N, C-alpha and C. Protein backbone atom coordinates (compact mmCIF):
# COMPACT_ATOMS: atom_id res chain seq x y z
N MET A 1 0.85 -1.20 0.00
CA MET A 1 0.00 0.00 0.00
C MET A 1 0.88 1.25 0.00
N LEU A 2 0.60 2.16 -0.92
CA LEU A 2 1.35 3.40 -1.01
C LEU A 2 0.82 4.39 0.01
N VAL A 3 1.72 4.91 0.86
CA VAL A 3 1.31 5.84 1.90
C VAL A 3 2.12 7.13 1.77
N HIS A 4 1.44 8.25 1.73
CA HIS A 4 2.09 9.56 1.76
C HIS A 4 1.69 10.22 3.08
N LEU A 5 2.62 10.29 3.99
CA LEU A 5 2.33 10.77 5.34
C LEU A 5 2.52 12.28 5.42
N VAL A 6 1.52 12.97 5.91
CA VAL A 6 1.63 14.40 6.18
C VAL A 6 2.08 14.57 7.63
N LEU A 7 3.21 15.25 7.81
CA LEU A 7 3.77 15.39 9.15
C LEU A 7 3.10 16.54 9.89
N ASP A 8 2.25 16.21 10.85
CA ASP A 8 1.69 17.24 11.70
C ASP A 8 2.64 17.46 12.88
N ASP A 9 2.30 18.39 13.76
CA ASP A 9 3.19 18.74 14.86
C ASP A 9 3.45 17.55 15.78
N GLU A 10 2.45 16.72 15.99
CA GLU A 10 2.60 15.57 16.88
C GLU A 10 3.61 14.56 16.33
N ILE A 11 3.50 14.28 15.03
CA ILE A 11 4.44 13.35 14.41
C ILE A 11 5.84 13.93 14.37
N GLN A 12 5.92 15.23 14.04
CA GLN A 12 7.22 15.88 13.99
C GLN A 12 7.90 15.83 15.35
N GLN A 13 7.15 16.05 16.40
CA GLN A 13 7.73 15.98 17.74
C GLN A 13 8.19 14.57 18.06
N TYR A 14 7.43 13.57 17.63
CA TYR A 14 7.83 12.18 17.86
C TYR A 14 9.15 11.88 17.16
N VAL A 15 9.27 12.32 15.91
CA VAL A 15 10.51 12.10 15.16
C VAL A 15 11.70 12.73 15.91
N GLN A 16 11.51 13.94 16.38
CA GLN A 16 12.58 14.59 17.14
C GLN A 16 12.91 13.82 18.41
N ASP A 17 11.87 13.36 19.10
CA ASP A 17 12.08 12.67 20.38
C ASP A 17 12.87 11.38 20.22
N VAL A 18 12.64 10.65 19.13
CA VAL A 18 13.25 9.33 19.01
C VAL A 18 14.49 9.29 18.13
N SER A 19 14.81 10.41 17.44
CA SER A 19 15.94 10.33 16.51
C SER A 19 16.92 11.49 16.58
N LEU A 20 16.50 12.63 17.13
CA LEU A 20 17.36 13.81 17.09
C LEU A 20 18.45 13.73 18.15
N ARG A 21 19.69 14.06 17.74
CA ARG A 21 20.83 14.00 18.64
C ARG A 21 21.54 15.35 18.73
N GLU A 22 20.79 16.42 18.70
CA GLU A 22 21.38 17.76 18.78
C GLU A 22 21.93 18.01 20.18
N ASP A 23 23.18 18.42 20.26
CA ASP A 23 23.78 18.68 21.57
C ASP A 23 23.66 20.15 21.93
N ALA A 24 24.21 20.50 23.08
CA ALA A 24 24.04 21.86 23.61
C ALA A 24 24.68 22.90 22.71
N ILE A 25 25.84 22.62 22.14
CA ILE A 25 26.53 23.62 21.30
C ILE A 25 25.69 23.94 20.07
N ALA A 26 25.21 22.91 19.40
CA ALA A 26 24.39 23.14 18.21
C ALA A 26 23.10 23.86 18.57
N ARG A 27 22.47 23.46 19.65
CA ARG A 27 21.23 24.10 20.07
C ARG A 27 21.45 25.57 20.40
N GLU A 28 22.55 25.87 21.07
CA GLU A 28 22.84 27.26 21.42
C GLU A 28 23.14 28.10 20.19
N LEU A 29 23.73 27.50 19.16
CA LEU A 29 23.94 28.25 17.91
C LEU A 29 22.60 28.58 17.27
N ARG A 30 21.68 27.64 17.26
CA ARG A 30 20.34 27.95 16.72
C ARG A 30 19.68 29.06 17.52
N GLU A 31 19.81 29.01 18.82
CA GLU A 31 19.20 30.03 19.68
C GLU A 31 19.86 31.40 19.45
N ALA A 32 21.17 31.41 19.28
CA ALA A 32 21.87 32.66 19.00
C ALA A 32 21.44 33.24 17.66
N THR A 33 21.20 32.37 16.69
CA THR A 33 20.73 32.81 15.38
C THR A 33 19.36 33.47 15.50
N THR A 34 18.46 32.82 16.23
CA THR A 34 17.12 33.37 16.43
C THR A 34 17.17 34.72 17.13
N ALA A 35 18.08 34.87 18.08
CA ALA A 35 18.15 36.10 18.87
C ALA A 35 18.79 37.25 18.10
N GLN A 36 19.71 36.94 17.17
CA GLN A 36 20.51 38.00 16.57
C GLN A 36 20.16 38.32 15.12
N VAL A 37 19.45 37.44 14.44
CA VAL A 37 19.21 37.62 13.01
C VAL A 37 17.71 37.58 12.74
N PHE A 38 17.20 38.62 12.09
CA PHE A 38 15.77 38.67 11.79
C PHE A 38 15.37 37.52 10.87
N GLU A 39 16.24 37.18 9.91
CA GLU A 39 15.93 36.12 8.95
C GLU A 39 16.32 34.76 9.51
N HIS A 40 16.04 34.52 10.79
CA HIS A 40 16.51 33.30 11.44
C HIS A 40 15.90 32.04 10.87
N ASN A 41 14.78 32.16 10.14
CA ASN A 41 14.18 30.97 9.55
C ASN A 41 15.01 30.38 8.42
N MET A 42 16.09 31.06 8.03
CA MET A 42 16.99 30.51 7.02
C MET A 42 17.94 29.48 7.62
N CYS A 43 17.97 29.36 8.93
CA CYS A 43 18.85 28.40 9.59
C CYS A 43 18.37 26.98 9.32
N ALA A 44 19.32 26.08 9.05
CA ALA A 44 18.97 24.68 8.87
C ALA A 44 18.33 24.14 10.14
N SER A 45 17.37 23.26 9.97
CA SER A 45 16.76 22.62 11.12
C SER A 45 17.73 21.60 11.71
N PRO A 46 17.55 21.24 12.98
CA PRO A 46 18.45 20.24 13.56
C PRO A 46 18.36 18.90 12.84
N GLU A 47 17.18 18.54 12.35
CA GLU A 47 17.05 17.29 11.61
C GLU A 47 17.85 17.34 10.31
N GLN A 48 17.83 18.50 9.66
CA GLN A 48 18.58 18.63 8.41
C GLN A 48 20.07 18.61 8.68
N GLY A 49 20.51 19.29 9.74
CA GLY A 49 21.91 19.25 10.10
C GLY A 49 22.38 17.84 10.37
N GLN A 50 21.54 17.06 11.05
CA GLN A 50 21.89 15.67 11.35
C GLN A 50 21.97 14.84 10.07
N LEU A 51 21.06 15.08 9.12
CA LEU A 51 21.11 14.38 7.84
C LEU A 51 22.40 14.71 7.09
N LEU A 52 22.77 15.99 7.04
CA LEU A 52 23.98 16.38 6.33
C LEU A 52 25.21 15.72 6.96
N ALA A 53 25.27 15.71 8.28
CA ALA A 53 26.39 15.07 8.95
C ALA A 53 26.42 13.58 8.63
N PHE A 54 25.25 12.95 8.61
CA PHE A 54 25.14 11.53 8.28
C PHE A 54 25.69 11.27 6.88
N LEU A 55 25.30 12.10 5.92
CA LEU A 55 25.75 11.91 4.54
C LEU A 55 27.26 12.12 4.40
N VAL A 56 27.78 13.14 5.07
CA VAL A 56 29.22 13.40 5.02
C VAL A 56 29.99 12.20 5.59
N GLY A 57 29.51 11.67 6.71
CA GLY A 57 30.16 10.50 7.28
C GLY A 57 30.02 9.27 6.41
N LEU A 58 28.84 9.08 5.83
CA LEU A 58 28.58 7.93 4.97
C LEU A 58 29.50 7.95 3.75
N MET A 59 29.79 9.15 3.24
CA MET A 59 30.66 9.30 2.07
C MET A 59 32.14 9.20 2.44
N SER A 60 32.44 9.10 3.74
CA SER A 60 33.84 9.17 4.21
C SER A 60 34.51 10.42 3.63
N ALA A 61 33.76 11.50 3.62
CA ALA A 61 34.23 12.74 3.00
C ALA A 61 35.39 13.35 3.78
N LYS A 62 36.30 13.93 3.04
CA LYS A 62 37.39 14.70 3.62
C LYS A 62 37.31 16.17 3.22
N THR A 63 36.73 16.43 2.05
CA THR A 63 36.60 17.81 1.57
C THR A 63 35.15 18.07 1.20
N VAL A 64 34.59 19.11 1.80
CA VAL A 64 33.20 19.51 1.58
C VAL A 64 33.18 20.95 1.09
N VAL A 65 32.33 21.24 0.13
CA VAL A 65 32.06 22.62 -0.28
C VAL A 65 30.64 22.96 0.13
N GLU A 66 30.48 24.07 0.84
CA GLU A 66 29.15 24.54 1.25
C GLU A 66 28.92 25.91 0.64
N VAL A 67 27.88 26.02 -0.17
CA VAL A 67 27.54 27.29 -0.82
C VAL A 67 26.36 27.90 -0.07
N GLY A 68 26.64 28.91 0.74
CA GLY A 68 25.64 29.54 1.58
C GLY A 68 25.65 28.90 2.95
N ILE A 69 26.20 29.60 3.95
CA ILE A 69 26.31 28.99 5.28
C ILE A 69 25.42 29.66 6.31
N PHE A 70 24.93 30.87 6.03
CA PHE A 70 24.14 31.66 6.97
C PHE A 70 24.94 31.84 8.26
N THR A 71 24.47 31.33 9.39
CA THR A 71 25.24 31.49 10.63
C THR A 71 26.05 30.24 10.97
N GLY A 72 26.15 29.31 10.05
CA GLY A 72 27.08 28.21 10.22
C GLY A 72 26.59 27.01 10.99
N TYR A 73 25.26 26.84 11.09
CA TYR A 73 24.74 25.65 11.78
C TYR A 73 25.05 24.39 10.97
N SER A 74 24.73 24.40 9.69
CA SER A 74 25.03 23.24 8.85
C SER A 74 26.54 23.05 8.72
N THR A 75 27.28 24.16 8.72
CA THR A 75 28.74 24.07 8.69
C THR A 75 29.26 23.30 9.88
N LEU A 76 28.74 23.63 11.05
CA LEU A 76 29.12 22.94 12.27
C LEU A 76 28.81 21.45 12.17
N ALA A 77 27.62 21.12 11.71
CA ALA A 77 27.22 19.71 11.62
C ALA A 77 28.15 18.93 10.69
N MET A 78 28.47 19.49 9.54
CA MET A 78 29.31 18.77 8.58
C MET A 78 30.76 18.72 9.04
N ALA A 79 31.26 19.80 9.63
CA ALA A 79 32.64 19.81 10.11
C ALA A 79 32.85 18.75 11.17
N ARG A 80 31.86 18.55 12.01
CA ARG A 80 31.97 17.53 13.05
C ARG A 80 32.03 16.12 12.47
N ALA A 81 31.47 15.93 11.28
CA ALA A 81 31.45 14.61 10.66
C ALA A 81 32.73 14.30 9.89
N LEU A 82 33.60 15.29 9.74
CA LEU A 82 34.84 15.11 9.00
C LEU A 82 35.92 14.50 9.89
N PRO A 83 36.88 13.81 9.29
CA PRO A 83 38.02 13.32 10.07
C PRO A 83 38.98 14.47 10.35
N PRO A 84 39.91 14.29 11.28
CA PRO A 84 40.96 15.31 11.47
C PRO A 84 41.67 15.58 10.14
N GLY A 85 41.89 16.84 9.86
CA GLY A 85 42.49 17.22 8.59
C GLY A 85 41.49 17.48 7.49
N GLY A 86 40.22 17.12 7.72
CA GLY A 86 39.19 17.42 6.74
C GLY A 86 38.85 18.90 6.77
N ARG A 87 38.12 19.36 5.75
CA ARG A 87 37.77 20.78 5.73
C ARG A 87 36.44 21.00 5.02
N VAL A 88 35.70 21.98 5.53
CA VAL A 88 34.52 22.52 4.87
C VAL A 88 34.93 23.85 4.26
N ILE A 89 34.88 23.96 2.95
CA ILE A 89 35.12 25.23 2.28
C ILE A 89 33.78 25.96 2.27
N ALA A 90 33.62 26.89 3.20
CA ALA A 90 32.34 27.51 3.50
C ALA A 90 32.24 28.85 2.78
N CYS A 91 31.33 28.95 1.81
CA CYS A 91 31.22 30.13 0.95
C CYS A 91 30.00 30.96 1.35
N ASP A 92 30.23 32.24 1.65
CA ASP A 92 29.13 33.13 1.94
C ASP A 92 29.60 34.57 1.69
N PHE A 93 28.65 35.48 1.62
CA PHE A 93 28.97 36.88 1.37
C PHE A 93 28.82 37.74 2.61
N ASN A 94 28.16 37.19 3.66
CA ASN A 94 27.80 38.01 4.82
C ASN A 94 28.69 37.65 6.00
N GLU A 95 29.69 38.47 6.24
CA GLU A 95 30.64 38.20 7.31
C GLU A 95 29.97 38.27 8.69
N GLU A 96 29.03 39.19 8.85
CA GLU A 96 28.37 39.35 10.15
C GLU A 96 27.63 38.07 10.55
N TRP A 97 26.90 37.47 9.62
CA TRP A 97 26.20 36.23 9.92
C TRP A 97 27.19 35.10 10.20
N ALA A 98 28.23 35.00 9.38
CA ALA A 98 29.20 33.93 9.55
C ALA A 98 29.90 34.01 10.90
N GLU A 99 30.14 35.23 11.36
CA GLU A 99 30.86 35.39 12.63
C GLU A 99 30.02 34.93 13.82
N ILE A 100 28.71 34.84 13.66
CA ILE A 100 27.88 34.29 14.74
C ILE A 100 28.26 32.84 15.00
N GLY A 101 28.55 32.12 13.94
CA GLY A 101 28.87 30.71 14.09
C GLY A 101 30.26 30.41 14.57
N ARG A 102 31.21 31.30 14.32
CA ARG A 102 32.62 30.98 14.60
C ARG A 102 32.87 30.55 16.05
N PRO A 103 32.34 31.24 17.06
CA PRO A 103 32.61 30.79 18.44
C PRO A 103 32.11 29.38 18.72
N PHE A 104 31.04 28.99 18.03
CA PHE A 104 30.48 27.66 18.24
C PHE A 104 31.33 26.60 17.54
N TRP A 105 31.90 26.95 16.38
CA TRP A 105 32.85 26.03 15.75
C TRP A 105 34.05 25.81 16.67
N GLU A 106 34.49 26.90 17.29
CA GLU A 106 35.64 26.80 18.19
C GLU A 106 35.31 25.96 19.41
N ARG A 107 34.14 26.19 20.00
CA ARG A 107 33.76 25.41 21.18
C ARG A 107 33.64 23.92 20.85
N ALA A 108 33.21 23.62 19.64
CA ALA A 108 33.07 22.22 19.23
C ALA A 108 34.39 21.59 18.81
N GLY A 109 35.45 22.40 18.74
CA GLY A 109 36.77 21.88 18.38
C GLY A 109 36.95 21.61 16.90
N VAL A 110 36.15 22.28 16.05
CA VAL A 110 36.25 22.03 14.61
C VAL A 110 36.55 23.29 13.80
N ALA A 111 36.91 24.38 14.47
CA ALA A 111 37.18 25.62 13.74
C ALA A 111 38.30 25.44 12.71
N ASP A 112 39.24 24.56 13.01
CA ASP A 112 40.35 24.33 12.08
C ASP A 112 39.91 23.55 10.84
N ARG A 113 38.68 23.03 10.85
CA ARG A 113 38.16 22.30 9.69
C ARG A 113 37.29 23.19 8.80
N VAL A 114 37.10 24.45 9.19
CA VAL A 114 36.25 25.36 8.43
C VAL A 114 37.13 26.40 7.74
N GLN A 115 37.10 26.40 6.42
CA GLN A 115 37.80 27.39 5.60
C GLN A 115 36.75 28.37 5.09
N LEU A 116 36.60 29.49 5.79
CA LEU A 116 35.56 30.46 5.43
C LEU A 116 36.04 31.33 4.28
N GLU A 117 35.25 31.34 3.21
CA GLU A 117 35.55 32.14 2.02
C GLU A 117 34.43 33.16 1.84
N LEU A 118 34.74 34.44 2.12
CA LEU A 118 33.75 35.50 2.02
C LEU A 118 33.79 36.15 0.64
N GLY A 119 32.62 36.37 0.08
CA GLY A 119 32.53 36.98 -1.24
C GLY A 119 31.56 36.19 -2.10
N PRO A 120 31.34 36.61 -3.34
CA PRO A 120 30.44 35.88 -4.23
C PRO A 120 30.89 34.43 -4.37
N ALA A 121 29.96 33.50 -4.20
CA ALA A 121 30.33 32.09 -4.22
C ALA A 121 30.86 31.65 -5.58
N VAL A 122 30.32 32.20 -6.66
CA VAL A 122 30.81 31.84 -7.98
C VAL A 122 32.29 32.17 -8.11
N ARG A 123 32.68 33.30 -7.57
CA ARG A 123 34.10 33.68 -7.61
C ARG A 123 34.96 32.69 -6.84
N THR A 124 34.50 32.28 -5.66
CA THR A 124 35.24 31.31 -4.87
C THR A 124 35.34 29.98 -5.59
N LEU A 125 34.23 29.51 -6.15
CA LEU A 125 34.23 28.22 -6.84
C LEU A 125 35.11 28.27 -8.08
N ASP A 126 35.06 29.37 -8.81
CA ASP A 126 35.93 29.52 -9.98
C ASP A 126 37.41 29.52 -9.59
N ALA A 127 37.71 30.15 -8.46
CA ALA A 127 39.10 30.16 -7.99
C ALA A 127 39.56 28.76 -7.62
N LEU A 128 38.68 27.98 -7.00
CA LEU A 128 39.03 26.59 -6.67
C LEU A 128 39.31 25.80 -7.95
N LEU A 129 38.47 25.97 -8.95
CA LEU A 129 38.67 25.26 -10.21
C LEU A 129 39.96 25.70 -10.89
N ALA A 130 40.21 27.01 -10.88
CA ALA A 130 41.44 27.52 -11.48
C ALA A 130 42.67 27.01 -10.75
N GLY A 131 42.53 26.73 -9.47
CA GLY A 131 43.64 26.23 -8.67
C GLY A 131 43.84 24.73 -8.76
N GLY A 132 43.07 24.06 -9.60
CA GLY A 132 43.27 22.64 -9.81
C GLY A 132 42.45 21.73 -8.92
N ALA A 133 41.35 22.24 -8.33
CA ALA A 133 40.56 21.45 -7.39
C ALA A 133 39.49 20.58 -8.06
N ALA A 134 39.39 20.64 -9.37
CA ALA A 134 38.38 19.82 -10.05
C ALA A 134 38.59 18.35 -9.71
N GLY A 135 37.50 17.66 -9.38
CA GLY A 135 37.57 16.24 -9.09
C GLY A 135 38.10 15.89 -7.72
N THR A 136 38.19 16.86 -6.81
CA THR A 136 38.80 16.60 -5.49
C THR A 136 37.81 16.70 -4.33
N VAL A 137 36.60 17.17 -4.59
CA VAL A 137 35.62 17.39 -3.51
C VAL A 137 34.74 16.15 -3.37
N ASP A 138 34.47 15.77 -2.12
CA ASP A 138 33.66 14.58 -1.85
C ASP A 138 32.17 14.88 -1.73
N PHE A 139 31.84 16.04 -1.18
CA PHE A 139 30.45 16.36 -0.87
C PHE A 139 30.26 17.86 -1.01
N ALA A 140 29.12 18.26 -1.56
CA ALA A 140 28.79 19.68 -1.68
C ALA A 140 27.35 19.90 -1.22
N PHE A 141 27.13 21.02 -0.56
CA PHE A 141 25.80 21.39 -0.10
C PHE A 141 25.50 22.79 -0.61
N ILE A 142 24.40 22.94 -1.35
CA ILE A 142 24.02 24.22 -1.93
C ILE A 142 22.77 24.73 -1.24
N ASP A 143 22.88 25.88 -0.59
CA ASP A 143 21.75 26.49 0.12
C ASP A 143 21.98 28.00 0.14
N ALA A 144 21.78 28.62 -1.00
CA ALA A 144 22.08 30.05 -1.14
C ALA A 144 20.97 30.70 -1.98
N ASP A 145 21.27 31.81 -2.65
CA ASP A 145 20.28 32.48 -3.48
C ASP A 145 19.83 31.55 -4.61
N LYS A 146 18.54 31.38 -4.77
CA LYS A 146 18.01 30.36 -5.66
C LYS A 146 18.30 30.65 -7.13
N GLU A 147 18.36 31.92 -7.49
CA GLU A 147 18.65 32.25 -8.88
C GLU A 147 20.07 31.85 -9.28
N GLY A 148 20.93 31.69 -8.29
CA GLY A 148 22.30 31.29 -8.57
C GLY A 148 22.52 29.79 -8.59
N TYR A 149 21.49 29.02 -8.26
CA TYR A 149 21.65 27.56 -8.14
C TYR A 149 22.23 26.90 -9.40
N PRO A 150 21.75 27.23 -10.61
CA PRO A 150 22.33 26.57 -11.79
C PRO A 150 23.84 26.79 -11.90
N LEU A 151 24.29 28.00 -11.59
CA LEU A 151 25.72 28.29 -11.64
C LEU A 151 26.47 27.51 -10.56
N TYR A 152 25.91 27.47 -9.37
CA TYR A 152 26.58 26.75 -8.28
C TYR A 152 26.63 25.25 -8.57
N PHE A 153 25.54 24.72 -9.10
CA PHE A 153 25.51 23.29 -9.37
C PHE A 153 26.59 22.90 -10.37
N GLU A 154 26.69 23.64 -11.47
CA GLU A 154 27.67 23.28 -12.50
C GLU A 154 29.08 23.30 -11.94
N ARG A 155 29.40 24.29 -11.16
CA ARG A 155 30.75 24.39 -10.61
C ARG A 155 31.00 23.32 -9.55
N CYS A 156 30.02 23.07 -8.73
CA CYS A 156 30.18 22.02 -7.71
C CYS A 156 30.32 20.65 -8.37
N LEU A 157 29.57 20.41 -9.42
CA LEU A 157 29.69 19.13 -10.12
C LEU A 157 31.09 18.95 -10.69
N GLU A 158 31.66 20.01 -11.22
CA GLU A 158 33.02 19.93 -11.75
C GLU A 158 34.04 19.71 -10.63
N LEU A 159 33.80 20.31 -9.49
CA LEU A 159 34.70 20.13 -8.36
C LEU A 159 34.59 18.73 -7.75
N LEU A 160 33.43 18.11 -7.89
CA LEU A 160 33.17 16.83 -7.25
C LEU A 160 33.95 15.71 -7.92
N ARG A 161 34.43 14.78 -7.10
CA ARG A 161 35.04 13.57 -7.63
C ARG A 161 33.95 12.65 -8.17
N PRO A 162 34.28 11.75 -9.11
CA PRO A 162 33.31 10.73 -9.48
C PRO A 162 32.91 9.92 -8.24
N GLY A 163 31.63 9.73 -8.05
CA GLY A 163 31.14 9.08 -6.85
C GLY A 163 30.84 10.04 -5.71
N GLY A 164 31.11 11.32 -5.92
CA GLY A 164 30.79 12.33 -4.92
C GLY A 164 29.32 12.70 -4.96
N LEU A 165 28.90 13.48 -3.97
CA LEU A 165 27.48 13.76 -3.80
C LEU A 165 27.23 15.25 -3.59
N ILE A 166 26.19 15.77 -4.25
CA ILE A 166 25.72 17.13 -4.05
C ILE A 166 24.34 17.07 -3.40
N ALA A 167 24.13 17.85 -2.35
CA ALA A 167 22.81 18.02 -1.75
C ALA A 167 22.35 19.44 -2.04
N ILE A 168 21.15 19.57 -2.59
CA ILE A 168 20.61 20.87 -3.00
C ILE A 168 19.37 21.15 -2.18
N ASP A 169 19.38 22.25 -1.44
CA ASP A 169 18.30 22.56 -0.51
C ASP A 169 17.22 23.40 -1.16
N ASN A 170 16.02 23.35 -0.57
CA ASN A 170 14.88 24.21 -0.95
C ASN A 170 14.40 23.98 -2.37
N VAL A 171 14.49 22.76 -2.86
CA VAL A 171 14.10 22.51 -4.25
C VAL A 171 12.59 22.54 -4.45
N LEU A 172 11.80 22.54 -3.37
CA LEU A 172 10.35 22.65 -3.49
C LEU A 172 9.83 24.06 -3.23
N LEU A 173 10.63 24.89 -2.60
CA LEU A 173 10.26 26.29 -2.36
C LEU A 173 8.84 26.41 -1.79
N THR A 174 8.62 25.75 -0.68
CA THR A 174 7.32 25.73 0.01
C THR A 174 6.18 25.28 -0.91
N GLY A 175 6.52 24.50 -1.93
CA GLY A 175 5.52 23.99 -2.87
C GLY A 175 5.30 24.86 -4.08
N ASN A 176 5.93 26.03 -4.14
CA ASN A 176 5.67 26.95 -5.24
C ASN A 176 6.05 26.37 -6.60
N VAL A 177 7.09 25.54 -6.66
CA VAL A 177 7.52 24.98 -7.95
C VAL A 177 6.45 24.11 -8.58
N ALA A 178 5.53 23.58 -7.77
CA ALA A 178 4.48 22.69 -8.28
C ALA A 178 3.21 23.44 -8.66
N ARG A 179 3.21 24.76 -8.49
CA ARG A 179 2.01 25.55 -8.73
C ARG A 179 2.24 26.43 -9.98
N PRO A 180 1.66 26.04 -11.12
CA PRO A 180 1.91 26.75 -12.38
C PRO A 180 1.58 28.23 -12.33
N GLY A 181 0.65 28.62 -11.48
CA GLY A 181 0.27 30.02 -11.42
C GLY A 181 1.26 30.92 -10.74
N ILE A 182 2.28 30.35 -10.12
CA ILE A 182 3.29 31.15 -9.41
C ILE A 182 4.52 31.27 -10.30
N SER A 183 4.89 32.50 -10.58
CA SER A 183 6.07 32.76 -11.41
C SER A 183 6.82 33.97 -10.84
N ASP A 184 8.06 33.73 -10.45
CA ASP A 184 8.96 34.78 -10.00
C ASP A 184 10.37 34.27 -10.25
N PRO A 185 11.39 35.14 -10.18
CA PRO A 185 12.74 34.68 -10.54
C PRO A 185 13.22 33.46 -9.75
N GLU A 186 12.97 33.43 -8.44
CA GLU A 186 13.44 32.29 -7.65
C GLU A 186 12.72 31.00 -8.05
N THR A 187 11.40 31.08 -8.15
CA THR A 187 10.62 29.88 -8.48
C THR A 187 10.94 29.39 -9.87
N ASP A 188 11.03 30.30 -10.83
CA ASP A 188 11.32 29.90 -12.21
C ASP A 188 12.70 29.28 -12.33
N SER A 189 13.67 29.83 -11.60
CA SER A 189 15.02 29.28 -11.62
C SER A 189 15.05 27.87 -11.04
N MET A 190 14.33 27.68 -9.93
CA MET A 190 14.33 26.36 -9.30
C MET A 190 13.60 25.33 -10.16
N ARG A 191 12.49 25.74 -10.77
CA ARG A 191 11.78 24.84 -11.68
C ARG A 191 12.70 24.39 -12.81
N ALA A 192 13.42 25.35 -13.39
CA ALA A 192 14.29 25.04 -14.51
C ALA A 192 15.39 24.07 -14.09
N LEU A 193 15.97 24.30 -12.91
CA LEU A 193 17.03 23.40 -12.44
C LEU A 193 16.47 22.01 -12.18
N ASN A 194 15.32 21.93 -11.50
CA ASN A 194 14.73 20.63 -11.22
C ASN A 194 14.48 19.85 -12.51
N ALA A 195 13.95 20.52 -13.52
CA ALA A 195 13.66 19.86 -14.79
C ALA A 195 14.95 19.43 -15.49
N ALA A 196 15.98 20.27 -15.42
CA ALA A 196 17.24 19.94 -16.07
C ALA A 196 17.92 18.74 -15.39
N LEU A 197 17.84 18.68 -14.07
CA LEU A 197 18.48 17.58 -13.35
C LEU A 197 17.80 16.25 -13.66
N ARG A 198 16.51 16.27 -13.88
CA ARG A 198 15.80 15.02 -14.20
C ARG A 198 16.43 14.32 -15.41
N ASP A 199 16.91 15.10 -16.38
CA ASP A 199 17.44 14.54 -17.62
C ASP A 199 18.97 14.61 -17.69
N ASP A 200 19.62 14.91 -16.58
CA ASP A 200 21.07 15.08 -16.58
C ASP A 200 21.74 13.72 -16.39
N GLU A 201 22.36 13.21 -17.44
CA GLU A 201 22.96 11.88 -17.41
C GLU A 201 24.28 11.85 -16.64
N ARG A 202 24.74 12.98 -16.17
CA ARG A 202 25.98 13.01 -15.40
C ARG A 202 25.79 12.57 -13.96
N VAL A 203 24.53 12.52 -13.53
CA VAL A 203 24.25 12.24 -12.11
C VAL A 203 23.15 11.20 -11.96
N GLU A 204 23.21 10.48 -10.84
CA GLU A 204 22.07 9.73 -10.34
C GLU A 204 21.30 10.68 -9.41
N LEU A 205 19.99 10.53 -9.35
CA LEU A 205 19.19 11.60 -8.75
C LEU A 205 18.11 11.06 -7.83
N SER A 206 17.91 11.77 -6.71
CA SER A 206 16.77 11.50 -5.85
C SER A 206 16.33 12.81 -5.20
N MET A 207 15.07 13.19 -5.45
CA MET A 207 14.50 14.36 -4.79
C MET A 207 13.69 13.89 -3.59
N LEU A 208 14.05 14.36 -2.42
CA LEU A 208 13.38 13.94 -1.19
C LEU A 208 12.39 15.02 -0.75
N PRO A 209 11.13 14.68 -0.56
CA PRO A 209 10.14 15.67 -0.12
C PRO A 209 10.17 15.85 1.39
N VAL A 210 11.34 16.21 1.91
CA VAL A 210 11.52 16.48 3.34
C VAL A 210 12.05 17.90 3.50
N PHE A 211 11.86 18.46 4.71
CA PHE A 211 12.24 19.85 4.95
C PHE A 211 11.53 20.72 3.90
N ASP A 212 12.27 21.50 3.11
CA ASP A 212 11.67 22.26 2.01
C ASP A 212 12.04 21.63 0.68
N GLY A 213 12.28 20.33 0.71
CA GLY A 213 12.72 19.61 -0.48
C GLY A 213 14.23 19.63 -0.58
N ILE A 214 14.83 18.46 -0.69
CA ILE A 214 16.28 18.38 -0.85
C ILE A 214 16.58 17.34 -1.93
N THR A 215 17.36 17.73 -2.92
CA THR A 215 17.75 16.83 -3.99
C THR A 215 19.16 16.33 -3.74
N LEU A 216 19.34 15.02 -3.89
CA LEU A 216 20.66 14.41 -3.81
C LEU A 216 21.07 14.00 -5.22
N ALA A 217 22.22 14.49 -5.65
CA ALA A 217 22.74 14.20 -6.99
C ALA A 217 24.12 13.55 -6.84
N TYR A 218 24.19 12.30 -7.26
CA TYR A 218 25.40 11.48 -7.12
C TYR A 218 26.13 11.49 -8.46
N LYS A 219 27.37 11.94 -8.48
CA LYS A 219 28.12 12.08 -9.72
C LYS A 219 28.56 10.71 -10.23
N ARG A 220 28.12 10.38 -11.42
CA ARG A 220 28.47 9.10 -12.01
C ARG A 220 29.96 9.03 -12.32
N ALA A 221 30.51 7.84 -12.19
CA ALA A 221 31.90 7.62 -12.59
C ALA A 221 32.00 7.72 -14.10
N ARG A 222 33.12 8.16 -14.56
CA ARG A 222 33.34 8.27 -16.01
C ARG A 222 33.45 6.89 -16.62
N ASP A 223 32.92 6.76 -17.85
CA ASP A 223 33.02 5.48 -18.57
C ASP A 223 34.46 5.21 -18.98
């Protein structure tokens, strides 16, 4: 029997009660984000942070690229999943937001695994490619301005090793991508990317209808 479960508050609380492993440092970073940033709803949920850490560990990743870090909650989660000597190349344009996360990275003992790159993410990704980083990244997470997603995806895919994984956040945009009557630059850009990925033979693909939609794109090995 095919079941599509709608998560109400009661079920969501149950999921958190039986599976969430958020510790005090991560929780305090979320609380600091809520207290200091008006756009605090851009922070990754604890369940999403746990999923990202799980994927990074599952991939035995050593090098991660994160496009859009906000206050660094997801950065913290992924950095903790890396081995000593691993690094998250964390790309963002807002130094003030990023600095909220830095003390928490330090308290967690992973600040040395975070390489913060401030400025336009395309510029940072292009510099990595120009420096010979193509094919060296294990995992990438894209959660930034939606109109830039196609540019970020192409560069991250080039940086990714064969067998590496890209996670793309907000691919459902609160359901707007499924509603033909809604048209704006963010929604149209996301629709176009979703449609393009469906037919992209360079990757294996799974769109998960969790959080605000997250697509996992696994880079196929070269023939």
